[in-house]
Amino acid sequence: MELAEYKNIYRNEGSHFFYVSTHYLIEKLVKKFSRGRRLMILDAGCGTGLLAKKLARLGKVSAIDCSSEAIKFAGKNGVNARRGSINKLPYNNNHFDLITCVDVIYHSRVNDVAALGEMRRVLKSGGVLILRVPANKYLVSAHDVHVHTARRYGKDELKRKLRLAGFRVRCISFVHLPIFPISLFRVIWERLTHRVAASSIRKINPVLNSILAVVLKLEAEMISRGVIMPLGQGLIAVATPNRQSNPGQKMQ
């Protein structure tokens, strides 16, 4: 991800409807699967660290990112993140109860199946992975260039890669259905006019931002209760380690 985009996200993620609703959904799912227990949690690809900061209310959180810039911004959020790659996680087998990975494995520097395999390795046998990825290849926009997107996923493709990595998919749903038409219009507009916006993450009218946040949080409530969205801007998956798969050799 470009440095300017880290700065942009750090400035806006506390109030921007996209991050507010995404973090709300992740927290709802973590609470659902924690059943009141305090968990050992890994935020894999923590970025600027705000999600990890929020998850600290629910357990002991470790955070990791490959970017030194991300580590600096995470520090500003009070998160002591570790620098490292999700392609080879620096943790022992069966270490975490739960892993969150939000908009990370799509990145050009990530081998998605290998990274998922590493998450499988460091999860306990009864652990849970909560994974979010961008969806639908036809939604590729200028923003994808700024965040170094290598791939957007289809639902079947994501299921297949999770299974290849040794996971059993418990549920998978599209997310951000209400803003899907906006995203599609933006992509069409960019292609027709050749006018490129610097980023999708920027301040918008506060009233509109509040309305979108409320609408998307309602969607998050529905998804957390098992409602499957038929279309959307992204995909959210909940998966558990397949007991028949081999988590690999223990790291020294």
Foldseek 3Di string as FASTA:
>chain_A
DDLVVLVLCLVFLVQFLVNLLVLLLVVLLCCVVCVQPAWEEEAEACFLQPSQVVCVVRHHYEYEHQDPSSCVSNVVVVHNYYHDHLLADPAWFQATQEYEYEADCQAPVHPNLSSLLLVLRNHHQNHKYKYKHFADPLLDAPQCVVRRGNDHDDPVRVCVSNVSSQKDWPDKAAAAPVCVVVSNVRSVVCVVVVDHDPHPRDDDDSVVSVVSNVVRNVVSVCVSVPDHYPDYRMMITMIGGHPVDDSDDTDD
